[in-house]
Amino acid sequence: MLSIIIPTRNAEAALSQNLGQYAGERLIISDSGSRDATLETAYLAGAQLCLGSAGRGPQLARGAKFALLTDAEWMLFLHSDARLSGNWRSAITDHMQNFPEKVGYFRYAKQAKGFWPWLQSVLVSLRCWAWKLPYGDQGLLISRESYERVGGFSNLPLFEDVDIMNRLKLTHGRRNIRPLPAFVRTDISAYEAQGWWKRGWRNFNLLRGFQSGKSVEELMATYYRE
């Protein structure tokens, strides 16, 4: 059984656009104080709701804890703005049946026309191939056994996805991080507003800082300052 877990905060617009693709699936929305119609939108879509403190790490951990109280053997962690290719269900079913020891993630589709969106998609593919490091916005498909083995998501407000992937690679090996034969698209408005190069370079420097041991508090200050 699969549970889909999505952290939200004021995500009404994204949920309105994207929840329909999960029809028929067990959906858990982990919210952190939305003031718009996020909860109503999720409830009307048949989602289960769990509420609590803010921060993507705590929210994902809370959603997973909720899922693990059920018969869920797999969890798919997604962002609210994720738009999946039409074959996502068959790709996930195949993975769960034939690659139970592996962690899955969606391939990153080019988000728009032009050089910079193309370059971003190339760099994401390179990161996933060379470092076996998909980000949370690509969706992370993790079995109950694997999730519990590494201790789940940490209560980090930033790079919670990198943190759990680092631990999964240590325990499972790099070869057990597998790209699914399906794609994800996400909201690119922040890149368009800030500039593709500027935002991408900032994100790379933040990742480098995290991987070199800088505190999350220091990285958060940089994240919000820029």
C-alpha atoms as a PDB file:
ATOM      1  CA  MET A   1       0.000   0.000   0.000  1.00  0.00           C
ATOM      2  CA  LEU A   2       1.265   3.452  -0.955  1.00  0.00           C
ATOM      3  CA  SER A   3       0.820   6.682   0.984  1.00  0.00           C
ATOM      4  CA  ILE A   4       1.543  10.023  -0.700  1.00  0.00           C
ATOM      5  CA  ILE A   5       2.784  12.675   1.724  1.00  0.00           C
ATOM      6  CA  ILE A   6       2.792  16.380   0.869  1.00  0.00           C
ATOM      7  CA  PRO A   7       3.920  19.186   3.213  1.00  0.00           C
ATOM      8  CA  THR A   8       1.928  22.398   2.831  1.00  0.00           C
ATOM      9  CA  ARG A   9       1.684  25.980   3.978  1.00  0.00           C
ATOM     10  CA  ASN A  10      -0.698  28.278   2.109  1.00  0.00           C
ATOM     11  CA  ALA A  11      -0.664  25.931  -0.871  1.00  0.00           C
ATOM     12  CA  GLU A  12      -4.277  26.283  -1.976  1.00  0.00           C
ATOM     13  CA  ALA A  13      -3.425  27.246  -5.556  1.00  0.00           C
ATOM     14  CA  ALA A  14      -0.918  24.426  -6.038  1.00  0.00           C
ATOM     15  CA  LEU A  15      -3.229  21.830  -4.523  1.00  0.00           C
ATOM     16  CA  SER A  16      -6.162  22.979  -6.630  1.00  0.00           C
ATOM     17  CA  GLN A  17      -4.076  22.393  -9.747  1.00  0.00           C
ATOM     18  CA  ASN A  18      -2.378  19.156  -8.766  1.00  0.00           C
ATOM     19  CA  LEU A  19      -4.393  17.028  -6.347  1.00  0.00           C
ATOM     20  CA  GLY A  20      -6.557  15.592  -9.109  1.00  0.00           C
ATOM     21  CA  GLN A  21      -3.652  13.518 -10.405  1.00  0.00           C
ATOM     22  CA  TYR A  22      -3.617  11.545  -7.143  1.00  0.00           C
ATOM     23  CA  ALA A  23      -7.274  10.501  -7.282  1.00  0.00           C
ATOM     24  CA  GLY A  24      -7.786   7.100  -5.702  1.00  0.00           C
ATOM     25  CA  GLU A  25      -4.517   7.185  -3.769  1.00  0.00           C
ATOM     26  CA  ARG A  26      -4.056   7.493  -0.026  1.00  0.00           C
ATOM     27  CA  LEU A  27      -3.018  11.118   0.396  1.00  0.00           C
ATOM     28  CA  ILE A  28      -1.644  12.728   3.560  1.00  0.00           C
ATOM     29  CA  ILE A  29      -1.350  16.506   3.801  1.00  0.00           C
ATOM     30  CA  SER A  30       1.013  17.677   6.542  1.00  0.00           C
ATOM     31  CA  ASP A  31       0.175  21.318   7.116  1.00  0.00           C
ATOM     32  CA  SER A  32       1.904  23.969   9.207  1.00  0.00           C
ATOM     33  CA  GLY A  33      -0.635  26.701   9.760  1.00  0.00           C
ATOM     34  CA  SER A  34      -2.080  27.588   6.369  1.00  0.00           C
ATOM     35  CA  ARG A  35      -4.304  30.653   6.376  1.00  0.00           C
ATOM     36  CA  ASP A  36      -5.795  30.151   2.938  1.00  0.00           C
ATOM     37  CA  ALA A  37      -8.077  27.311   1.821  1.00  0.00           C
ATOM     38  CA  THR A  38      -5.338  24.669   1.771  1.00  0.00           C
ATOM     39  CA  LEU A  39      -7.033  22.433   4.328  1.00  0.00           C
ATOM     40  CA  GLU A  40     -10.464  22.718   2.731  1.00  0.00           C
ATOM     41  CA  THR A  41      -9.010  21.938  -0.698  1.00  0.00           C
ATOM     42  CA  ALA A  42      -7.169  18.902   0.646  1.00  0.00           C
ATOM     43  CA  TYR A  43     -10.180  17.650   2.596  1.00  0.00           C
ATOM     44  CA  LEU A  44     -12.490  17.903  -0.404  1.00  0.00           C
ATOM     45  CA  ALA A  45      -9.945  15.902  -2.409  1.00  0.00           C
ATOM     46  CA  GLY A  46     -10.194  13.094   0.140  1.00  0.00           C
ATOM     47  CA  ALA A  47      -6.845  13.691   1.818  1.00  0.00           C
ATOM     48  CA  GLN A  48      -6.064  12.878   5.418  1.00  0.00           C
ATOM     49  CA  LEU A  49      -4.834  15.904   7.353  1.00  0.00           C
ATOM     50  CA  CYS A  50      -2.182  16.193  10.027  1.00  0.00           C
ATOM     51  CA  LEU A  51      -1.271  19.543  11.538  1.00  0.00           C
ATOM     52  CA  GLY A  52       1.729  20.779  13.461  1.00  0.00           C
ATOM     53  CA  SER A  53       4.877  22.867  13.514  1.00  0.00           C
ATOM     54  CA  ALA A  54       6.428  24.448  10.435  1.00  0.00           C
ATOM     55  CA  GLY A  55       9.504  23.291   8.560  1.00  0.00           C
ATOM     56  CA  ARG A  56       9.629  20.801   5.725  1.00  0.00           C
ATOM     57  CA  GLY A  57      11.607  18.260   7.755  1.00  0.00           C
ATOM     58  CA  PRO A  58       9.171  18.224  10.695  1.00  0.00           C
ATOM     59  CA  GLN A  59       6.209  18.211   8.329  1.00  0.00           C
ATOM     60  CA  LEU A  60       7.492  15.253   6.308  1.00  0.00           C
ATOM     61  CA  ALA A  61       8.390  13.369   9.480  1.00  0.00           C
ATOM     62  CA  ARG A  62       4.916  14.025  10.857  1.00  0.00           C
ATOM     63  CA  GLY A  63       3.245  12.838   7.671  1.00  0.00           C
ATOM     64  CA  ALA A  64       5.389   9.701   7.622  1.00  0.00           C
ATOM     65  CA  LYS A  65       4.565   8.973  11.252  1.00  0.00           C
ATOM     66  CA  PHE A  66       0.896   9.205  10.340  1.00  0.00           C
ATOM     67  CA  ALA A  67       1.389   6.879   7.362  1.00  0.00           C
ATOM     68  CA  LEU A  68       3.308   4.322   9.406  1.00  0.00           C
ATOM     69  CA  LEU A  69       0.329   3.940  11.724  1.00  0.00           C
ATOM     70  CA  THR A  70      -1.480   2.399   8.747  1.00  0.00           C
ATOM     71  CA  ASP A  71      -0.608  -0.527   6.480  1.00  0.00           C
ATOM     72  CA  ALA A  72       1.528   1.670   4.201  1.00  0.00           C
ATOM     73  CA  GLU A  73       4.553  -0.257   2.945  1.00  0.00           C
ATOM     74  CA  TRP A  74       5.733   2.579   0.697  1.00  0.00           C
ATOM     75  CA  MET A  75       5.700   6.354   1.010  1.00  0.00           C
ATOM     76  CA  LEU A  76       5.978   8.885  -1.810  1.00  0.00           C
ATOM     77  CA  PHE A  77       7.111  12.285  -0.553  1.00  0.00           C
ATOM     78  CA  LEU A  78       6.176  15.107  -2.919  1.00  0.00           C
ATOM     79  CA  HIS A  79       5.946  18.892  -2.984  1.00  0.00           C
ATOM     80  CA  SER A  80       2.588  20.551  -3.485  1.00  0.00           C
ATOM     81  CA  ASP A  81       3.581  22.002  -6.874  1.00  0.00           C
ATOM     82  CA  ALA A  82       4.687  18.659  -8.352  1.00  0.00           C
ATOM     83  CA  ARG A  83       3.123  17.781 -11.695  1.00  0.00           C
ATOM     84  CA  LEU A  84       3.807  14.180 -12.697  1.00  0.00           C
ATOM     85  CA  SER A  85       3.861  12.572 -16.125  1.00  0.00           C
ATOM     86  CA  GLY A  86       0.890  10.406 -17.030  1.00  0.00           C
ATOM     87  CA  ASN A  87       2.712   7.112 -16.455  1.00  0.00           C
ATOM     88  CA  TRP A  88       3.674   7.829 -12.852  1.00  0.00           C
ATOM     89  CA  ARG A  89       1.404   5.157 -11.361  1.00  0.00           C
ATOM     90  CA  SER A  90       2.743   2.361 -13.549  1.00  0.00           C
ATOM     91  CA  ALA A  91       6.321   3.504 -12.906  1.00  0.00           C
ATOM     92  CA  ILE A  92       5.798   3.399  -9.155  1.00  0.00           C
ATOM     93  CA  THR A  93       3.965   0.070  -9.227  1.00  0.00           C
ATOM     94  CA  ASP A  94       6.805  -1.487 -11.206  1.00  0.00           C
ATOM     95  CA  HIS A  95       9.366  -0.085  -8.777  1.00  0.00           C
ATOM     96  CA  MET A  96       7.553  -1.350  -5.686  1.00  0.00           C
ATOM     97  CA  GLN A  97       7.164  -4.821  -7.175  1.00  0.00           C
ATOM     98  CA  ASN A  98      10.581  -5.271  -8.766  1.00  0.00           C
ATOM     99  CA  PHE A  99      12.968  -2.997  -6.856  1.00  0.00           C
ATOM    100  CA  PRO A 100      11.858  -3.230  -3.215  1.00  0.00           C
ATOM    101  CA  GLU A 101      15.362  -2.560  -1.886  1.00  0.00           C
ATOM    102  CA  LYS A 102      15.813   0.675  -3.868  1.00  0.00           C
ATOM    103  CA  VAL A 103      14.842   4.300  -3.305  1.00  0.00           C
ATOM    104  CA  GLY A 104      13.054   5.819  -6.294  1.00  0.00           C
ATOM    105  CA  TYR A 105      12.786   9.359  -7.612  1.00  0.00           C
ATOM    106  CA  PHE A 106      11.262  11.056 -10.655  1.00  0.00           C
ATOM    107  CA  ARG A 107      13.353  12.361 -13.503  1.00  0.00           C
ATOM    108  CA  TYR A 108      13.354  16.134 -13.776  1.00  0.00           C
ATOM    109  CA  ALA A 109      11.588  17.397 -16.886  1.00  0.00           C
ATOM    110  CA  LYS A 110      12.664  20.598 -18.607  1.00  0.00           C
ATOM    111  CA  GLN A 111      10.452  23.264 -17.106  1.00  0.00           C
ATOM    112  CA  ALA A 112      10.220  25.740 -19.988  1.00  0.00           C
ATOM    113  CA  LYS A 113      11.693  26.615 -23.367  1.00  0.00           C
ATOM    114  CA  GLY A 114      15.053  28.324 -23.591  1.00  0.00           C
ATOM    115  CA  PHE A 115      18.682  27.860 -22.643  1.00  0.00           C
ATOM    116  CA  TRP A 116      18.472  28.333 -18.876  1.00  0.00           C
ATOM    117  CA  PRO A 117      15.639  25.848 -18.269  1.00  0.00           C
ATOM    118  CA  TRP A 118      17.510  23.381 -20.476  1.00  0.00           C
ATOM    119  CA  LEU A 119      20.737  23.930 -18.534  1.00  0.00           C
ATOM    120  CA  GLN A 120      18.939  23.474 -15.230  1.00  0.00           C
ATOM    121  CA  SER A 121      17.498  20.138 -16.336  1.00  0.00           C
ATOM    122  CA  VAL A 122      20.952  19.004 -17.475  1.00  0.00           C
ATOM    123  CA  LEU A 123      22.544  19.985 -14.156  1.00  0.00           C
ATOM    124  CA  VAL A 124      19.815  18.240 -12.159  1.00  0.00           C
ATOM    125  CA  SER A 125      20.340  15.075 -14.199  1.00  0.00           C
ATOM    126  CA  LEU A 126      24.089  15.376 -13.636  1.00  0.00           C
ATOM    127  CA  ARG A 127      23.629  15.798  -9.877  1.00  0.00           C
ATOM    128  CA  CYS A 128      21.437  12.719  -9.725  1.00  0.00           C
ATOM    129  CA  TRP A 129      23.805  10.646 -11.852  1.00  0.00           C
ATOM    130  CA  ALA A 130      27.115  11.718 -10.312  1.00  0.00           C
ATOM    131  CA  TRP A 131      26.106  12.219  -6.688  1.00  0.00           C
ATOM    132  CA  LYS A 132      22.966  10.075  -6.526  1.00  0.00           C
ATOM    133  CA  LEU A 133      21.312  13.077  -4.930  1.00  0.00           C
ATOM    134  CA  PRO A 134      17.754  13.779  -6.038  1.00  0.00           C
ATOM    135  CA  TYR A 135      16.065  16.631  -4.216  1.00  0.00           C
ATOM    136  CA  GLY A 136      12.695  16.451  -2.541  1.00  0.00           C
ATOM    137  CA  ASP A 137      11.014  18.360  -5.352  1.00  0.00           C
ATOM    138  CA  GLN A 138      11.688  15.345  -7.592  1.00  0.00           C
ATOM    139  CA  GLY A 139       9.656  13.112  -5.303  1.00  0.00           C
ATOM    140  CA  LEU A 140      11.223  10.459  -3.083  1.00  0.00           C
ATOM    141  CA  LEU A 141       9.751   6.948  -3.081  1.00  0.00           C
ATOM    142  CA  ILE A 142      10.908   5.132   0.054  1.00  0.00           C
ATOM    143  CA  SER A 143       9.782   1.814   1.512  1.00  0.00           C
ATOM    144  CA  ARG A 144       8.704   1.515   5.137  1.00  0.00           C
ATOM    145  CA  GLU A 145      11.689  -0.738   5.826  1.00  0.00           C
ATOM    146  CA  SER A 146      14.198   1.704   4.335  1.00  0.00           C
ATOM    147  CA  TYR A 147      12.626   4.719   6.018  1.00  0.00           C
ATOM    148  CA  GLU A 148      12.655   3.125   9.452  1.00  0.00           C
ATOM    149  CA  ARG A 149      16.157   1.765   8.942  1.00  0.00           C
ATOM    150  CA  VAL A 150      17.660   5.253   8.538  1.00  0.00           C
ATOM    151  CA  GLY A 151      15.481   6.885  11.177  1.00  0.00           C
ATOM    152  CA  GLY A 152      13.267   8.933   8.882  1.00  0.00           C
ATOM    153  CA  PHE A 153      13.361  12.641   8.199  1.00  0.00           C
ATOM    154  CA  SER A 154      15.244  14.865  10.615  1.00  0.00           C
ATOM    155  CA  ASN A 155      13.654  17.997  12.038  1.00  0.00           C
ATOM    156  CA  LEU A 156      15.541  20.255   9.659  1.00  0.00           C
ATOM    157  CA  PRO A 157      13.920  23.329   8.085  1.00  0.00           C
ATOM    158  CA  LEU A 158      16.320  23.129   5.137  1.00  0.00           C
ATOM    159  CA  PHE A 159      18.057  20.282   3.277  1.00  0.00           C
ATOM    160  CA  GLU A 160      15.970  17.634   4.987  1.00  0.00           C
ATOM    161  CA  ASP A 161      15.958  15.858   1.618  1.00  0.00           C
ATOM    162  CA  VAL A 162      19.752  15.921   1.281  1.00  0.00           C
ATOM    163  CA  ASP A 163      20.112  14.730   4.868  1.00  0.00           C
ATOM    164  CA  ILE A 164      17.925  11.655   4.422  1.00  0.00           C
ATOM    165  CA  MET A 165      19.462  10.875   1.023  1.00  0.00           C
ATOM    166  CA  ASN A 166      22.937  10.974   2.578  1.00  0.00           C
ATOM    167  CA  ARG A 167      21.830   8.406   5.141  1.00  0.00           C
ATOM    168  CA  LEU A 168      20.066   6.245   2.571  1.00  0.00           C
ATOM    169  CA  LYS A 169      23.200   6.141   0.433  1.00  0.00           C
ATOM    170  CA  LEU A 170      25.286   5.135   3.443  1.00  0.00           C
ATOM    171  CA  THR A 171      22.977   2.293   4.442  1.00  0.00           C
ATOM    172  CA  HIS A 172      21.751   1.107   1.034  1.00  0.00           C
ATOM    173  CA  GLY A 173      24.613   2.014  -1.283  1.00  0.00           C
ATOM    174  CA  ARG A 174      24.644   4.392  -4.226  1.00  0.00           C
ATOM    175  CA  ARG A 175      23.471   1.685  -6.613  1.00  0.00           C
ATOM    176  CA  ASN A 176      20.178   1.476  -4.783  1.00  0.00           C
ATOM    177  CA  ILE A 177      19.126   5.028  -5.667  1.00  0.00           C
ATOM    178  CA  ARG A 178      17.028   4.570  -8.800  1.00  0.00           C
ATOM    179  CA  PRO A 179      15.460   7.033 -11.271  1.00  0.00           C
ATOM    180  CA  LEU A 180      11.891   6.132 -12.150  1.00  0.00           C
ATOM    181  CA  PRO A 181      10.878   6.050 -15.831  1.00  0.00           C
ATOM    182  CA  ALA A 182       8.535   8.990 -15.229  1.00  0.00           C
ATOM    183  CA  PHE A 183       8.955  12.753 -14.956  1.00  0.00           C
ATOM    184  CA  VAL A 184       8.095  15.624 -12.638  1.00  0.00           C
ATOM    185  CA  ARG A 185       7.599  19.316 -13.333  1.00  0.00           C
ATOM    186  CA  THR A 186       7.520  21.987 -10.633  1.00  0.00           C
ATOM    187  CA  ASP A 187       6.729  25.672 -10.279  1.00  0.00           C
ATOM    188  CA  ILE A 188       9.488  27.803 -11.822  1.00  0.00           C
ATOM    189  CA  SER A 189       8.174  31.253 -10.914  1.00  0.00           C
ATOM    190  CA  ALA A 190      10.939  31.833  -8.338  1.00  0.00           C
ATOM    191  CA  TYR A 191      13.599  31.101 -10.957  1.00  0.00           C
ATOM    192  CA  GLU A 192      11.954  33.437 -13.427  1.00  0.00           C
ATOM    193  CA  ALA A 193      11.654  36.199 -10.825  1.00  0.00           C
ATOM    194  CA  GLN A 194      15.163  35.916  -9.357  1.00  0.00           C
ATOM    195  CA  GLY A 195      16.986  34.770 -12.467  1.00  0.00           C
ATOM    196  CA  TRP A 196      17.884  31.201 -13.387  1.00  0.00           C
ATOM    197  CA  TRP A 197      21.613  31.621 -12.883  1.00  0.00           C
ATOM    198  CA  LYS A 198      21.372  33.625  -9.647  1.00  0.00           C
ATOM    199  CA  ARG A 199      18.961  31.233  -7.939  1.00  0.00           C
ATOM    200  CA  GLY A 200      20.738  28.138  -9.215  1.00  0.00           C
ATOM    201  CA  TRP A 201      24.145  29.403  -8.074  1.00  0.00           C
ATOM    202  CA  ARG A 202      22.733  30.330  -4.667  1.00  0.00           C
ATOM    203  CA  ASN A 203      21.222  26.871  -4.253  1.00  0.00           C
ATOM    204  CA  PHE A 204      24.500  25.220  -5.220  1.00  0.00           C
ATOM    205  CA  ASN A 205      26.435  27.262  -2.654  1.00  0.00           C
ATOM    206  CA  LEU A 206      23.891  26.419   0.028  1.00  0.00           C
ATOM    207  CA  LEU A 207      24.212  22.723  -0.804  1.00  0.00           C
ATOM    208  CA  ARG A 208      27.987  22.952  -0.701  1.00  0.00           C
ATOM    209  CA  GLY A 209      27.768  24.639   2.693  1.00  0.00           C
ATOM    210  CA  PHE A 210      25.452  21.969   4.075  1.00  0.00           C
ATOM    211  CA  GLN A 211      27.581  19.103   2.805  1.00  0.00           C
ATOM    212  CA  SER A 212      30.701  20.709   4.281  1.00  0.00           C
ATOM    213  CA  GLY A 213      29.123  20.896   7.728  1.00  0.00           C
ATOM    214  CA  LYS A 214      27.793  24.436   8.056  1.00  0.00           C
ATOM    215  CA  SER A 215      24.951  24.792  10.529  1.00  0.00           C
ATOM    216  CA  VAL A 216      21.418  24.872   9.203  1.00  0.00           C
ATOM    217  CA  GLU A 217      20.856  28.110  11.128  1.00  0.00           C
ATOM    218  CA  GLU A 218      23.678  29.801   9.228  1.00  0.00           C
ATOM    219  CA  LEU A 219      22.385  28.481   5.920  1.00  0.00           C
ATOM    220  CA  MET A 220      18.857  29.614   6.724  1.00  0.00           C
ATOM    221  CA  ALA A 221      20.118  33.144   7.356  1.00  0.00           C
ATOM    222  CA  THR A 222      21.739  33.143   3.924  1.00  0.00           C
ATOM    223  CA  TYR A 223      18.664  31.561   2.331  1.00  0.00           C
ATOM    224  CA  TYR A 224      16.295  34.251   3.557  1.00  0.00           C
ATOM    225  CA  ARG A 225      18.743  37.126   3.166  1.00  0.00           C
ATOM    226  CA  GLU A 226      19.100  36.394  -0.534  1.00  0.00           C
END
